[in-house]
C-alpha atoms as a PDB file:
ATOM      1  CA  UNK A   1      32.280  10.290  40.060  1.00  0.00           C
ATOM      2  CA  UNK A   2      30.232  10.530  36.834  1.00  0.00           C
ATOM      3  CA  UNK A   3      28.542  13.820  35.963  1.00  0.00           C
ATOM      4  CA  UNK A   4      24.785  13.745  35.641  1.00  0.00           C
ATOM      5  CA  UNK A   5      21.904  15.884  34.463  1.00  0.00           C
ATOM      6  CA  UNK A   6      18.563  16.033  36.246  1.00  0.00           C
ATOM      7  CA  UNK A   7      15.566  15.835  33.924  1.00  0.00           C
ATOM      8  CA  UNK A   8      11.879  15.116  34.252  1.00  0.00           C
ATOM      9  CA  UNK A   9      10.359  12.007  32.700  1.00  0.00           C
ATOM     10  CA  UNK A  10       8.258  13.157  29.696  1.00  0.00           C
ATOM     11  CA  UNK A  11       5.679  10.495  30.536  1.00  0.00           C
ATOM     12  CA  UNK A  12       5.120  10.773  34.295  1.00  0.00           C
ATOM     13  CA  UNK A  13       7.108  13.882  35.307  1.00  0.00           C
ATOM     14  CA  UNK A  14       9.291  11.940  37.763  1.00  0.00           C
ATOM     15  CA  UNK A  15      12.771  13.339  38.448  1.00  0.00           C
ATOM     16  CA  UNK A  16      15.566  11.460  36.703  1.00  0.00           C
ATOM     17  CA  UNK A  17      19.346  11.651  37.016  1.00  0.00           C
ATOM     18  CA  UNK A  18      20.990  10.928  33.650  1.00  0.00           C
ATOM     19  CA  UNK A  19      24.733  10.232  33.508  1.00  0.00           C
ATOM     20  CA  UNK A  20      26.836  10.983  30.431  1.00  0.00           C
ATOM     21  CA  UNK A  21      27.219   7.314  29.534  1.00  0.00           C
ATOM     22  CA  UNK A  22      23.490   6.530  29.325  1.00  0.00           C
ATOM     23  CA  UNK A  23      21.825   6.548  25.871  1.00  0.00           C
ATOM     24  CA  UNK A  24      18.652   4.633  26.698  1.00  0.00           C
ATOM     25  CA  UNK A  25      16.936   3.804  29.968  1.00  0.00           C
ATOM     26  CA  UNK A  26      13.649   2.977  31.687  1.00  0.00           C
ATOM     27  CA  UNK A  27      12.114   5.509  34.067  1.00  0.00           C
ATOM     28  CA  UNK A  28      12.363   4.319  37.675  1.00  0.00           C
ATOM     29  CA  UNK A  29       8.922   5.841  38.391  1.00  0.00           C
ATOM     30  CA  UNK A  30       6.707   4.697  35.494  1.00  0.00           C
ATOM     31  CA  UNK A  31       8.892   2.135  33.689  1.00  0.00           C
ATOM     32  CA  UNK A  32       8.570   3.751  30.266  1.00  0.00           C
ATOM     33  CA  UNK A  33      11.658   3.555  28.087  1.00  0.00           C
ATOM     34  CA  UNK A  34      13.355   6.677  26.757  1.00  0.00           C
ATOM     35  CA  UNK A  35      16.220   7.532  24.446  1.00  0.00           C
ATOM     36  CA  UNK A  36      18.646  10.235  25.614  1.00  0.00           C
ATOM     37  CA  UNK A  37      19.333  12.802  22.895  1.00  0.00           C
ATOM     38  CA  UNK A  38      22.354  15.085  23.192  1.00  0.00           C
ATOM     39  CA  UNK A  39      22.874  17.950  20.775  1.00  0.00           C
ATOM     40  CA  UNK A  40      24.735  21.239  21.185  1.00  0.00           C
ATOM     41  CA  UNK A  41      24.959  20.911  24.964  1.00  0.00           C
ATOM     42  CA  UNK A  42      21.230  20.206  25.279  1.00  0.00           C
ATOM     43  CA  UNK A  43      20.075  16.905  26.742  1.00  0.00           C
ATOM     44  CA  UNK A  44      16.523  15.753  26.034  1.00  0.00           C
ATOM     45  CA  UNK A  45      14.487  12.592  26.360  1.00  0.00           C
ATOM     46  CA  UNK A  46      12.360  10.937  23.732  1.00  0.00           C
ATOM     47  CA  UNK A  47      10.051   8.040  24.553  1.00  0.00           C
ATOM     48  CA  UNK A  48      10.972   4.847  22.726  1.00  0.00           C
ATOM     49  CA  UNK A  49       7.284   4.636  21.753  1.00  0.00           C
ATOM     50  CA  UNK A  50       7.801   7.634  19.427  1.00  0.00           C
ATOM     51  CA  UNK A  51      10.402   5.645  17.525  1.00  0.00           C
ATOM     52  CA  UNK A  52       8.055   2.691  17.375  1.00  0.00           C
ATOM     53  CA  UNK A  53       5.265   4.933  16.037  1.00  0.00           C
ATOM     54  CA  UNK A  54       7.578   6.084  13.253  1.00  0.00           C
ATOM     55  CA  UNK A  55       8.405   2.477  12.420  1.00  0.00           C
ATOM     56  CA  UNK A  56       4.706   1.563  12.473  1.00  0.00           C
ATOM     57  CA  UNK A  57       3.919   4.553  10.268  1.00  0.00           C
ATOM     58  CA  UNK A  58       6.549   3.394   7.792  1.00  0.00           C
ATOM     59  CA  UNK A  59       5.167  -0.149   7.869  1.00  0.00           C
ATOM     60  CA  UNK A  60       1.609   1.170   7.468  1.00  0.00           C
ATOM     61  CA  UNK A  61       2.714   3.260   4.481  1.00  0.00           C
ATOM     62  CA  UNK A  62       4.366   0.246   2.829  1.00  0.00           C
ATOM     63  CA  UNK A  63       1.261  -1.829   3.554  1.00  0.00           C
ATOM     64  CA  UNK A  64      -0.958   0.862   1.971  1.00  0.00           C
ATOM     65  CA  UNK A  65       1.318   0.985  -1.056  1.00  0.00           C
ATOM     66  CA  UNK A  66       1.255  -2.828  -1.294  1.00  0.00           C
ATOM     67  CA  UNK A  67      -2.551  -2.834  -1.049  1.00  0.00           C
ATOM     68  CA  UNK A  68      -2.819  -0.048  -3.627  1.00  0.00           C
ATOM     69  CA  UNK A  69      -0.659  -2.111  -5.969  1.00  0.00           C
ATOM     70  CA  UNK A  70      -2.828  -5.130  -5.279  1.00  0.00           C
ATOM     71  CA  UNK A  71      -6.010  -3.126  -5.966  1.00  0.00           C
ATOM     72  CA  UNK A  72      -4.481  -1.790  -9.180  1.00  0.00           C
ATOM     73  CA  UNK A  73      -3.578  -5.348 -10.268  1.00  0.00           C
ATOM     74  CA  UNK A  74      -7.097  -6.556  -9.429  1.00  0.00           C
ATOM     75  CA  UNK A  75      -8.608  -3.694 -11.440  1.00  0.00           C
ATOM     76  CA  UNK A  76      -6.313  -4.491 -14.362  1.00  0.00           C
ATOM     77  CA  UNK A  77      -7.344  -8.158 -14.145  1.00  0.00           C
ATOM     78  CA  UNK A  78     -11.030  -7.141 -14.063  1.00  0.00           C
ATOM     79  CA  UNK A  79     -10.510  -4.901 -17.085  1.00  0.00           C
ATOM     80  CA  UNK A  80      -8.713  -7.719 -18.928  1.00  0.00           C
ATOM     81  CA  UNK A  81     -11.575 -10.146 -18.163  1.00  0.00           C
ATOM     82  CA  UNK A  82     -14.119  -7.565 -19.360  1.00  0.00           C
ATOM     83  CA  UNK A  83     -12.092  -6.933 -22.518  1.00  0.00           C
ATOM     84  CA  UNK A  84     -11.909 -10.681 -23.170  1.00  0.00           C
ATOM     85  CA  UNK A  85     -15.695 -10.992 -22.783  1.00  0.00           C
ATOM     86  CA  UNK A  86     -16.281  -8.075 -25.141  1.00  0.00           C
ATOM     87  CA  UNK A  87     -13.832  -9.519 -27.670  1.00  0.00           C
ATOM     88  CA  UNK A  88     -15.574 -12.904 -27.535  1.00  0.00           C
ATOM     89  CA  UNK A  89     -18.959 -11.204 -28.047  1.00  0.00           C
ATOM     90  CA  UNK A  90     -17.590  -9.287 -31.060  1.00  0.00           C
ATOM     91  CA  UNK A  91     -16.123 -12.464 -32.552  1.00  0.00           C
ATOM     92  CA  UNK A  92     -19.483 -14.213 -32.128  1.00  0.00           C
ATOM     93  CA  UNK A  93     -21.248 -11.291 -33.814  1.00  0.00           C
ATOM     94  CA  UNK A  94     -18.716 -11.347 -36.666  1.00  0.00           C
ATOM     95  CA  UNK A  95     -19.307 -15.088 -37.181  1.00  0.00           C
ATOM     96  CA  UNK A  96     -23.079 -14.580 -37.155  1.00  0.00           C
ATOM     97  CA  UNK A  97     -22.825 -11.770 -39.734  1.00  0.00           C
ATOM     98  CA  UNK A  98     -20.484 -13.827 -41.948  1.00  0.00           C
ATOM     99  CA  UNK A  99     -22.921 -16.753 -41.827  1.00  0.00           C
ATOM    100  CA  UNK A 100     -25.809 -14.454 -42.708  1.00  0.00           C
ATOM    101  CA  UNK A 101     -23.833 -12.969 -45.613  1.00  0.00           C
ATOM    102  CA  UNK A 102     -22.989 -16.445 -46.922  1.00  0.00           C
ATOM    103  CA  UNK A 103     -26.686 -17.390 -46.773  1.00  0.00           C
ATOM    104  CA  UNK A 104     -27.620 -14.220 -48.705  1.00  0.00           C
ATOM    105  CA  UNK A 105     -24.935 -14.975 -51.313  1.00  0.00           C
ATOM    106  CA  UNK A 106     -26.381 -18.437 -51.853  1.00  0.00           C
ATOM    107  CA  UNK A 107     -29.870 -16.986 -52.224  1.00  0.00           C
ATOM    108  CA  UNK A 108     -28.599 -14.399 -54.743  1.00  0.00           C
ATOM    109  CA  UNK A 109     -26.756 -17.094 -56.715  1.00  0.00           C
ATOM    110  CA  UNK A 110     -29.931 -19.180 -56.862  1.00  0.00           C
ATOM    111  CA  UNK A 111     -31.963 -16.189 -58.039  1.00  0.00           C
ATOM    112  CA  UNK A 112     -29.374 -15.356 -60.703  1.00  0.00           C
ATOM    113  CA  UNK A 113     -29.410 -18.959 -61.971  1.00  0.00           C
ATOM    114  CA  UNK A 114     -33.198 -18.955 -62.119  1.00  0.00           C
ATOM    115  CA  UNK A 115     -33.207 -15.806 -64.300  1.00  0.00           C
ATOM    116  CA  UNK A 116     -30.762 -17.249 -66.778  1.00  0.00           C
END
């Protein structure tokens, strides 16, 4: 006959008989699944949901990190677009100034020729 330990279900409090060969089971009272933990002669139960929460937390963390990376990329793209606009505006201003300088040079040349 297999040895067993009597424990209470952490979810509903129902009495459970756990044999040495069981690592995971569903409570016969509430149906919630539990993992049997054995360490140093102590037997305890942990709801499977706790493990799922840890997995979800890990997934949520990776999703947050992915979204943060996406936001950072979007900000970098926005900054690059803004920089491109500013560069285009500066190039237009440079062209306008160069055209104005060329016009002034022509006027000066004409004035110099008229004085000679």
